[in-house]
Amino acid sequence: MAETEDDRTLTLVRTLDALRDKIYRCWTEGPLLLQCFTPAPWKTIEADVDVRPGGSSRIVMQSPEGETYPNPGIYLDVVPNERLVFTDAFTSTWEPSAKPFIVADIQLEDAGDGRTNYTAIVRHWTVEDRERHKKMGFHDGWNKAADQLETVAKTL
C-alpha cells in the first residue's frame, strides 16, 4: 500500500485507532471535514464535497490571522472505505485550474482491532512544488490533521 517518496511525492503512513469506515466518513462528509481537514491553529471554514469520480470539492481554509484559502478540486477515484484520489488540477466540471499543485491519494486498510492503516500519498507537478510543500510543513501538518481525523472518527 505505502509508496516511497521520490522527487515529486510526499507520503504519510500511520496506523490510526479508528475504524476505516469512520475515517472515510471524515474525509467525505462536509461537517466532519470541517473538524479535521486542516491542522490547528488553522481552520476549515467551508467543505462542500460531491464525492464521486468527477465530482467537485471546495474546501476553504483559514489561517490563524484570518486569511482564507479556497481549494477547489475534483475527485478522480472513489472506492468507499478504501481509497480517495483528488486533485486541484481541475475545478468543477473538469475546468483546468490556474496552477495545479497536487494529486492526493488517501488509502485506508483494515489493521485489525478497530484500527486502520492510513496512507496519504501526495504527488506534485514539479520538484519545486514538492519542496515548497515540504517546507510548508507537510509532515507536521498532515500528521496533526491525521491526529484530528482519528479523534473525530473515534466519536462516530
N, C-alpha and C. Protein backbone atom coordinates (compact mmCIF):
# COMPACT_ATOMS: atom_id res chain seq x y z
N MET A 1 0.82 -1.19 0.00
CA MET A 1 0.00 0.00 0.00
C MET A 1 0.86 1.25 0.00
N ALA A 2 1.80 1.34 0.89
CA ALA A 2 2.63 2.55 1.01
C ALA A 2 3.59 2.66 -0.17
N GLU A 3 3.98 3.84 -0.43
CA GLU A 3 4.87 4.12 -1.54
C GLU A 3 6.03 4.95 -1.01
N THR A 4 7.21 4.70 -1.52
CA THR A 4 8.34 5.52 -1.08
C THR A 4 8.28 6.88 -1.75
N GLU A 5 8.88 7.85 -1.09
CA GLU A 5 8.89 9.19 -1.65
C GLU A 5 9.92 9.29 -2.77
N ASP A 6 9.59 10.08 -3.76
CA ASP A 6 10.54 10.38 -4.82
C ASP A 6 10.66 11.90 -4.89
N ASP A 7 11.21 12.40 -5.97
CA ASP A 7 11.47 13.84 -6.02
C ASP A 7 10.21 14.69 -6.21
N ARG A 8 9.03 14.05 -6.42
CA ARG A 8 7.79 14.82 -6.54
C ARG A 8 6.69 14.30 -5.62
N THR A 9 7.00 13.35 -4.74
CA THR A 9 5.99 12.72 -3.88
C THR A 9 6.33 12.87 -2.41
N LEU A 10 5.31 13.16 -1.61
CA LEU A 10 5.42 13.15 -0.16
C LEU A 10 4.41 12.14 0.35
N THR A 11 4.80 11.34 1.34
CA THR A 11 3.95 10.26 1.82
C THR A 11 3.88 10.28 3.34
N LEU A 12 2.69 10.05 3.84
CA LEU A 12 2.47 9.88 5.27
C LEU A 12 1.83 8.53 5.48
N VAL A 13 2.41 7.70 6.35
CA VAL A 13 1.88 6.38 6.67
C VAL A 13 1.69 6.31 8.18
N ARG A 14 0.48 5.99 8.59
CA ARG A 14 0.14 5.91 10.01
C ARG A 14 -0.83 4.76 10.23
N THR A 15 -0.90 4.29 11.46
CA THR A 15 -1.98 3.41 11.88
C THR A 15 -2.82 4.23 12.85
N LEU A 16 -4.09 4.41 12.50
CA LEU A 16 -4.99 5.22 13.31
C LEU A 16 -5.90 4.31 14.14
N ASP A 17 -6.18 4.75 15.34
CA ASP A 17 -7.00 3.99 16.27
C ASP A 17 -8.48 4.33 16.03
N ALA A 18 -8.96 3.96 14.84
CA ALA A 18 -10.36 4.19 14.46
C ALA A 18 -10.66 3.28 13.27
N LEU A 19 -11.93 2.93 13.14
CA LEU A 19 -12.35 2.08 12.03
C LEU A 19 -12.28 2.84 10.71
N ARG A 20 -11.94 2.12 9.65
CA ARG A 20 -11.74 2.80 8.36
C ARG A 20 -13.02 3.40 7.81
N ASP A 21 -14.21 2.81 8.08
CA ASP A 21 -15.43 3.43 7.58
C ASP A 21 -15.68 4.78 8.26
N LYS A 22 -15.24 4.92 9.51
CA LYS A 22 -15.38 6.19 10.22
C LYS A 22 -14.38 7.22 9.68
N ILE A 23 -13.18 6.78 9.38
CA ILE A 23 -12.18 7.67 8.80
C ILE A 23 -12.63 8.12 7.41
N TYR A 24 -13.18 7.20 6.65
CA TYR A 24 -13.70 7.54 5.33
C TYR A 24 -14.80 8.59 5.44
N ARG A 25 -15.69 8.43 6.40
CA ARG A 25 -16.75 9.43 6.61
C ARG A 25 -16.15 10.81 6.88
N CYS A 26 -15.09 10.84 7.67
CA CYS A 26 -14.46 12.13 7.99
C CYS A 26 -13.90 12.79 6.74
N TRP A 27 -13.47 12.01 5.78
CA TRP A 27 -12.94 12.55 4.52
C TRP A 27 -14.03 12.91 3.53
N THR A 28 -15.26 12.37 3.72
CA THR A 28 -16.26 12.51 2.67
C THR A 28 -17.53 13.25 3.09
N GLU A 29 -17.66 13.61 4.35
CA GLU A 29 -18.83 14.35 4.82
C GLU A 29 -18.39 15.74 5.25
N GLY A 30 -18.95 16.77 4.59
CA GLY A 30 -18.55 18.15 4.83
C GLY A 30 -18.46 18.55 6.30
N PRO A 31 -19.50 18.30 7.10
CA PRO A 31 -19.43 18.71 8.51
C PRO A 31 -18.28 18.05 9.28
N LEU A 32 -17.93 16.83 8.92
CA LEU A 32 -16.80 16.15 9.57
C LEU A 32 -15.47 16.69 9.05
N LEU A 33 -15.40 16.97 7.75
CA LEU A 33 -14.18 17.57 7.18
C LEU A 33 -13.84 18.89 7.86
N LEU A 34 -14.87 19.64 8.21
CA LEU A 34 -14.64 20.92 8.90
C LEU A 34 -13.85 20.74 10.19
N GLN A 35 -14.00 19.59 10.82
CA GLN A 35 -13.38 19.34 12.12
C GLN A 35 -11.96 18.78 12.03
N CYS A 36 -11.60 18.23 10.86
CA CYS A 36 -10.31 17.52 10.86
C CYS A 36 -9.42 17.74 9.65
N PHE A 37 -9.86 18.49 8.66
CA PHE A 37 -9.07 18.63 7.44
C PHE A 37 -7.81 19.47 7.63
N THR A 38 -7.92 20.54 8.37
CA THR A 38 -6.82 21.50 8.48
C THR A 38 -6.20 21.43 9.87
N PRO A 39 -4.87 21.33 9.95
CA PRO A 39 -4.23 21.23 11.27
C PRO A 39 -4.35 22.54 12.06
N ALA A 40 -4.80 22.40 13.31
CA ALA A 40 -4.88 23.58 14.19
C ALA A 40 -3.49 24.20 14.32
N PRO A 41 -3.41 25.52 14.37
CA PRO A 41 -4.45 26.51 14.63
C PRO A 41 -5.19 26.99 13.37
N TRP A 42 -4.89 26.42 12.22
CA TRP A 42 -5.67 26.72 11.03
C TRP A 42 -7.06 26.11 11.20
N LYS A 43 -8.03 26.58 10.39
CA LYS A 43 -9.38 26.06 10.43
C LYS A 43 -9.86 25.79 9.02
N THR A 44 -10.77 24.85 8.91
CA THR A 44 -11.52 24.66 7.67
C THR A 44 -12.87 25.31 7.90
N ILE A 45 -13.20 26.29 7.07
CA ILE A 45 -14.44 27.03 7.30
C ILE A 45 -15.54 26.70 6.28
N GLU A 46 -15.18 26.01 5.21
CA GLU A 46 -16.15 25.53 4.23
C GLU A 46 -15.68 24.20 3.70
N ALA A 47 -16.62 23.27 3.53
CA ALA A 47 -16.29 21.96 2.95
C ALA A 47 -17.51 21.46 2.19
N ASP A 48 -17.55 21.78 0.92
CA ASP A 48 -18.63 21.32 0.04
C ASP A 48 -18.04 20.24 -0.86
N VAL A 49 -18.56 19.02 -0.73
CA VAL A 49 -17.98 17.90 -1.48
C VAL A 49 -19.06 17.09 -2.19
N ASP A 50 -18.73 16.68 -3.40
CA ASP A 50 -19.55 15.78 -4.21
C ASP A 50 -18.66 14.58 -4.49
N VAL A 51 -18.67 13.62 -3.56
CA VAL A 51 -17.69 12.53 -3.56
C VAL A 51 -18.10 11.43 -4.54
N ARG A 52 -17.57 11.56 -5.74
CA ARG A 52 -17.74 10.59 -6.82
C ARG A 52 -16.69 10.95 -7.87
N PRO A 53 -16.26 9.99 -8.68
CA PRO A 53 -15.31 10.34 -9.73
C PRO A 53 -15.87 11.47 -10.60
N GLY A 54 -15.11 12.55 -10.73
CA GLY A 54 -15.55 13.72 -11.48
C GLY A 54 -16.31 14.72 -10.64
N GLY A 55 -16.65 14.34 -9.41
CA GLY A 55 -17.36 15.26 -8.52
C GLY A 55 -16.42 16.33 -8.00
N SER A 56 -16.99 17.48 -7.73
CA SER A 56 -16.16 18.61 -7.31
C SER A 56 -16.10 18.72 -5.79
N SER A 57 -15.09 19.43 -5.33
CA SER A 57 -14.97 19.77 -3.92
C SER A 57 -14.53 21.22 -3.83
N ARG A 58 -14.93 21.85 -2.74
CA ARG A 58 -14.48 23.21 -2.46
C ARG A 58 -14.25 23.27 -0.97
N ILE A 59 -13.01 23.34 -0.61
CA ILE A 59 -12.62 23.40 0.79
C ILE A 59 -11.91 24.73 1.01
N VAL A 60 -12.36 25.47 2.00
CA VAL A 60 -11.77 26.77 2.29
C VAL A 60 -11.09 26.70 3.66
N MET A 61 -9.79 26.98 3.64
CA MET A 61 -9.00 27.00 4.87
C MET A 61 -8.84 28.45 5.32
N GLN A 62 -8.65 28.61 6.63
CA GLN A 62 -8.44 29.94 7.19
C GLN A 62 -7.21 29.91 8.09
N SER A 63 -6.31 30.86 7.87
CA SER A 63 -5.10 30.96 8.68
C SER A 63 -5.44 31.52 10.06
N PRO A 64 -4.53 31.39 11.02
CA PRO A 64 -4.76 31.99 12.34
C PRO A 64 -4.95 33.50 12.26
N GLU A 65 -4.42 34.13 11.21
CA GLU A 65 -4.57 35.59 11.02
C GLU A 65 -5.88 35.96 10.34
N GLY A 66 -6.66 34.96 9.94
CA GLY A 66 -7.96 35.22 9.32
C GLY A 66 -7.97 35.23 7.82
N GLU A 67 -6.83 35.00 7.16
CA GLU A 67 -6.80 34.94 5.70
C GLU A 67 -7.44 33.63 5.23
N THR A 68 -8.18 33.69 4.13
CA THR A 68 -8.84 32.49 3.62
C THR A 68 -8.15 31.98 2.36
N TYR A 69 -8.17 30.66 2.22
CA TYR A 69 -7.52 29.99 1.09
C TYR A 69 -8.49 28.96 0.51
N PRO A 70 -9.20 29.34 -0.57
CA PRO A 70 -10.10 28.38 -1.20
C PRO A 70 -9.32 27.32 -1.97
N ASN A 71 -9.78 26.10 -1.89
CA ASN A 71 -9.14 24.97 -2.56
C ASN A 71 -10.18 24.20 -3.36
N PRO A 72 -10.45 24.62 -4.59
CA PRO A 72 -11.38 23.85 -5.42
C PRO A 72 -10.64 22.67 -6.04
N GLY A 73 -11.38 21.62 -6.32
CA GLY A 73 -10.78 20.46 -6.96
C GLY A 73 -11.84 19.46 -7.37
N ILE A 74 -11.36 18.30 -7.82
CA ILE A 74 -12.28 17.22 -8.18
C ILE A 74 -11.73 15.90 -7.67
N TYR A 75 -12.64 14.95 -7.57
CA TYR A 75 -12.29 13.58 -7.20
C TYR A 75 -12.01 12.79 -8.48
N LEU A 76 -10.92 12.06 -8.48
CA LEU A 76 -10.55 11.25 -9.64
C LEU A 76 -10.97 9.80 -9.46
N ASP A 77 -10.84 9.29 -8.22
CA ASP A 77 -11.17 7.89 -7.93
C ASP A 77 -11.78 7.84 -6.54
N VAL A 78 -12.85 7.07 -6.40
CA VAL A 78 -13.52 6.92 -5.11
C VAL A 78 -13.87 5.45 -4.94
N VAL A 79 -13.30 4.82 -3.93
CA VAL A 79 -13.65 3.46 -3.55
C VAL A 79 -14.05 3.54 -2.07
N PRO A 80 -15.36 3.50 -1.78
CA PRO A 80 -15.81 3.71 -0.41
C PRO A 80 -15.04 2.85 0.61
N ASN A 81 -14.62 3.53 1.67
CA ASN A 81 -13.90 2.92 2.79
C ASN A 81 -12.51 2.39 2.44
N GLU A 82 -12.03 2.66 1.22
CA GLU A 82 -10.71 2.16 0.81
C GLU A 82 -9.81 3.23 0.21
N ARG A 83 -10.37 4.10 -0.64
CA ARG A 83 -9.49 5.00 -1.37
C ARG A 83 -10.22 6.24 -1.86
N LEU A 84 -9.53 7.37 -1.76
CA LEU A 84 -9.99 8.64 -2.34
C LEU A 84 -8.80 9.26 -3.06
N VAL A 85 -9.00 9.62 -4.31
CA VAL A 85 -7.96 10.32 -5.06
C VAL A 85 -8.58 11.63 -5.54
N PHE A 86 -7.92 12.73 -5.22
CA PHE A 86 -8.44 14.03 -5.62
C PHE A 86 -7.30 14.94 -6.04
N THR A 87 -7.65 15.98 -6.78
CA THR A 87 -6.64 16.90 -7.30
C THR A 87 -7.18 18.32 -7.35
N ASP A 88 -6.26 19.25 -7.32
CA ASP A 88 -6.61 20.66 -7.54
C ASP A 88 -6.27 21.07 -8.98
N ALA A 89 -5.92 20.10 -9.82
CA ALA A 89 -5.58 20.40 -11.21
C ALA A 89 -6.79 20.82 -12.02
N PHE A 90 -7.96 20.43 -11.55
CA PHE A 90 -9.21 20.80 -12.19
C PHE A 90 -10.14 21.37 -11.14
N THR A 91 -11.02 22.25 -11.59
CA THR A 91 -12.07 22.74 -10.72
C THR A 91 -13.35 22.03 -11.16
N SER A 92 -14.49 22.55 -10.81
CA SER A 92 -15.73 21.87 -11.18
C SER A 92 -15.83 21.69 -12.70
N THR A 93 -16.50 20.64 -13.08
CA THR A 93 -16.75 20.27 -14.48
C THR A 93 -15.49 20.19 -15.33
N TRP A 94 -14.43 19.71 -14.75
CA TRP A 94 -13.18 19.44 -15.45
C TRP A 94 -12.52 20.67 -16.03
N GLU A 95 -12.79 21.81 -15.49
CA GLU A 95 -12.14 23.02 -15.96
C GLU A 95 -10.74 23.09 -15.34
N PRO A 96 -9.68 23.24 -16.16
CA PRO A 96 -8.33 23.31 -15.61
C PRO A 96 -8.16 24.46 -14.62
N SER A 97 -7.43 24.20 -13.57
CA SER A 97 -7.15 25.26 -12.59
C SER A 97 -6.00 26.13 -13.08
N ALA A 98 -5.83 27.26 -12.46
CA ALA A 98 -4.77 28.19 -12.86
C ALA A 98 -3.39 27.61 -12.57
N LYS A 99 -3.24 26.93 -11.45
CA LYS A 99 -1.92 26.39 -11.06
C LYS A 99 -2.11 25.09 -10.30
N PRO A 100 -2.04 23.94 -10.98
CA PRO A 100 -2.17 22.67 -10.26
C PRO A 100 -1.00 22.49 -9.30
N PHE A 101 -1.29 21.88 -8.16
CA PHE A 101 -0.27 21.68 -7.14
C PHE A 101 -0.13 20.21 -6.77
N ILE A 102 -1.27 19.53 -6.50
CA ILE A 102 -1.18 18.15 -6.02
C ILE A 102 -2.23 17.22 -6.63
N VAL A 103 -1.92 15.94 -6.51
CA VAL A 103 -2.88 14.84 -6.59
C VAL A 103 -2.68 14.08 -5.29
N ALA A 104 -3.74 13.98 -4.49
CA ALA A 104 -3.66 13.27 -3.22
C ALA A 104 -4.36 11.94 -3.34
N ASP A 105 -3.73 10.90 -2.80
CA ASP A 105 -4.26 9.54 -2.84
C ASP A 105 -4.33 9.06 -1.40
N ILE A 106 -5.55 9.01 -0.84
CA ILE A 106 -5.77 8.57 0.53
C ILE A 106 -6.18 7.11 0.49
N GLN A 107 -5.40 6.25 1.16
CA GLN A 107 -5.67 4.83 1.15
C GLN A 107 -5.94 4.35 2.57
N LEU A 108 -6.98 3.53 2.72
CA LEU A 108 -7.39 3.01 4.02
C LEU A 108 -7.42 1.49 3.96
N GLU A 109 -6.83 0.86 4.97
CA GLU A 109 -6.78 -0.59 5.01
C GLU A 109 -7.00 -1.04 6.45
N ASP A 110 -7.82 -2.06 6.63
CA ASP A 110 -8.10 -2.57 7.96
C ASP A 110 -6.80 -3.09 8.59
N ALA A 111 -6.53 -2.63 9.82
CA ALA A 111 -5.33 -3.06 10.53
C ALA A 111 -5.68 -4.00 11.69
N GLY A 112 -6.96 -4.34 11.84
CA GLY A 112 -7.40 -5.21 12.93
C GLY A 112 -7.57 -4.45 14.23
N ASP A 113 -8.30 -5.04 15.14
CA ASP A 113 -8.53 -4.44 16.46
C ASP A 113 -9.10 -3.03 16.38
N GLY A 114 -9.94 -2.75 15.38
CA GLY A 114 -10.57 -1.45 15.25
C GLY A 114 -9.66 -0.34 14.77
N ARG A 115 -8.50 -0.71 14.22
CA ARG A 115 -7.53 0.28 13.75
C ARG A 115 -7.47 0.25 12.22
N THR A 116 -6.89 1.32 11.68
CA THR A 116 -6.81 1.47 10.21
C THR A 116 -5.41 1.90 9.81
N ASN A 117 -4.87 1.20 8.82
CA ASN A 117 -3.64 1.67 8.18
C ASN A 117 -4.04 2.80 7.24
N TYR A 118 -3.45 3.96 7.47
CA TYR A 118 -3.80 5.19 6.77
C TYR A 118 -2.57 5.65 5.99
N THR A 119 -2.72 5.76 4.68
CA THR A 119 -1.63 6.22 3.84
C THR A 119 -2.10 7.40 3.00
N ALA A 120 -1.36 8.49 3.07
CA ALA A 120 -1.63 9.66 2.25
C ALA A 120 -0.43 9.86 1.33
N ILE A 121 -0.65 9.67 0.05
CA ILE A 121 0.40 9.86 -0.96
C ILE A 121 0.06 11.15 -1.70
N VAL A 122 0.94 12.11 -1.66
CA VAL A 122 0.68 13.40 -2.29
C VAL A 122 1.73 13.63 -3.38
N ARG A 123 1.24 13.63 -4.62
CA ARG A 123 2.12 13.83 -5.78
C ARG A 123 2.01 15.28 -6.24
N HIS A 124 3.15 15.82 -6.64
CA HIS A 124 3.23 17.23 -7.05
C HIS A 124 3.64 17.30 -8.52
N TRP A 125 3.25 18.39 -9.17
CA TRP A 125 3.59 18.54 -10.59
C TRP A 125 5.09 18.75 -10.80
N THR A 126 5.73 19.42 -9.88
CA THR A 126 7.15 19.70 -10.05
C THR A 126 7.92 19.39 -8.77
N VAL A 127 9.20 19.24 -8.91
CA VAL A 127 10.09 19.06 -7.76
C VAL A 127 10.01 20.29 -6.86
N GLU A 128 9.92 21.45 -7.48
CA GLU A 128 9.84 22.69 -6.70
C GLU A 128 8.56 22.74 -5.87
N ASP A 129 7.44 22.28 -6.44
CA ASP A 129 6.19 22.24 -5.68
C ASP A 129 6.31 21.30 -4.49
N ARG A 130 6.95 20.15 -4.70
CA ARG A 130 7.15 19.20 -3.59
C ARG A 130 7.98 19.85 -2.50
N GLU A 131 9.06 20.49 -2.88
CA GLU A 131 9.93 21.13 -1.88
C GLU A 131 9.20 22.24 -1.14
N ARG A 132 8.39 22.99 -1.87
CA ARG A 132 7.61 24.06 -1.23
C ARG A 132 6.63 23.46 -0.22
N HIS A 133 5.96 22.37 -0.60
CA HIS A 133 5.00 21.72 0.29
C HIS A 133 5.72 21.15 1.53
N LYS A 134 6.88 20.59 1.31
CA LYS A 134 7.67 20.06 2.43
C LYS A 134 8.06 21.19 3.39
N LYS A 135 8.51 22.32 2.84
CA LYS A 135 8.89 23.46 3.67
C LYS A 135 7.70 24.11 4.36
N MET A 136 6.51 23.99 3.75
CA MET A 136 5.29 24.50 4.38
C MET A 136 4.94 23.67 5.62
N GLY A 137 5.57 22.52 5.77
CA GLY A 137 5.32 21.66 6.93
C GLY A 137 4.42 20.48 6.63
N PHE A 138 4.59 19.88 5.44
CA PHE A 138 3.75 18.74 5.06
C PHE A 138 3.66 17.70 6.16
N HIS A 139 4.78 17.16 6.60
CA HIS A 139 4.75 16.05 7.55
C HIS A 139 4.12 16.46 8.88
N ASP A 140 4.49 17.59 9.41
CA ASP A 140 3.92 18.06 10.66
C ASP A 140 2.42 18.33 10.50
N GLY A 141 2.06 19.05 9.45
CA GLY A 141 0.66 19.40 9.22
C GLY A 141 -0.22 18.20 8.95
N TRP A 142 0.22 17.31 8.07
CA TRP A 142 -0.59 16.14 7.75
C TRP A 142 -0.67 15.18 8.94
N ASN A 143 0.39 15.12 9.77
CA ASN A 143 0.32 14.32 10.99
C ASN A 143 -0.68 14.91 11.98
N LYS A 144 -0.67 16.23 12.16
CA LYS A 144 -1.65 16.87 13.05
C LYS A 144 -3.06 16.64 12.54
N ALA A 145 -3.25 16.78 11.25
CA ALA A 145 -4.58 16.55 10.67
C ALA A 145 -5.00 15.09 10.87
N ALA A 146 -4.06 14.16 10.75
CA ALA A 146 -4.37 12.74 10.99
C ALA A 146 -4.75 12.51 12.45
N ASP A 147 -4.09 13.19 13.37
CA ASP A 147 -4.47 13.10 14.79
C ASP A 147 -5.91 13.58 14.98
N GLN A 148 -6.24 14.72 14.35
CA GLN A 148 -7.59 15.26 14.45
C GLN A 148 -8.59 14.31 13.81
N LEU A 149 -8.24 13.75 12.67
CA LEU A 149 -9.07 12.78 11.97
C LEU A 149 -9.38 11.59 12.87
N GLU A 150 -8.34 11.07 13.51
CA GLU A 150 -8.50 9.94 14.43
C GLU A 150 -9.45 10.29 15.58
N THR A 151 -9.26 11.47 16.16
CA THR A 151 -10.10 11.91 17.28
C THR A 151 -11.56 12.01 16.87
N VAL A 152 -11.81 12.65 15.72
CA VAL A 152 -13.20 12.80 15.25
C VAL A 152 -13.80 11.44 14.90
N ALA A 153 -13.04 10.60 14.19
CA ALA A 153 -13.55 9.28 13.77
C ALA A 153 -13.92 8.42 14.99
N LYS A 154 -13.20 8.54 16.06
CA LYS A 154 -13.50 7.74 17.27
C LYS A 154 -14.80 8.16 17.94
N THR A 155 -15.32 9.35 17.61
CA THR A 155 -16.57 9.80 18.21
C THR A 155 -17.79 9.34 17.42
N LEU A 156 -17.57 8.78 16.23
CA LEU A 156 -18.71 8.40 15.37
C LEU A 156 -19.24 7.03 15.71
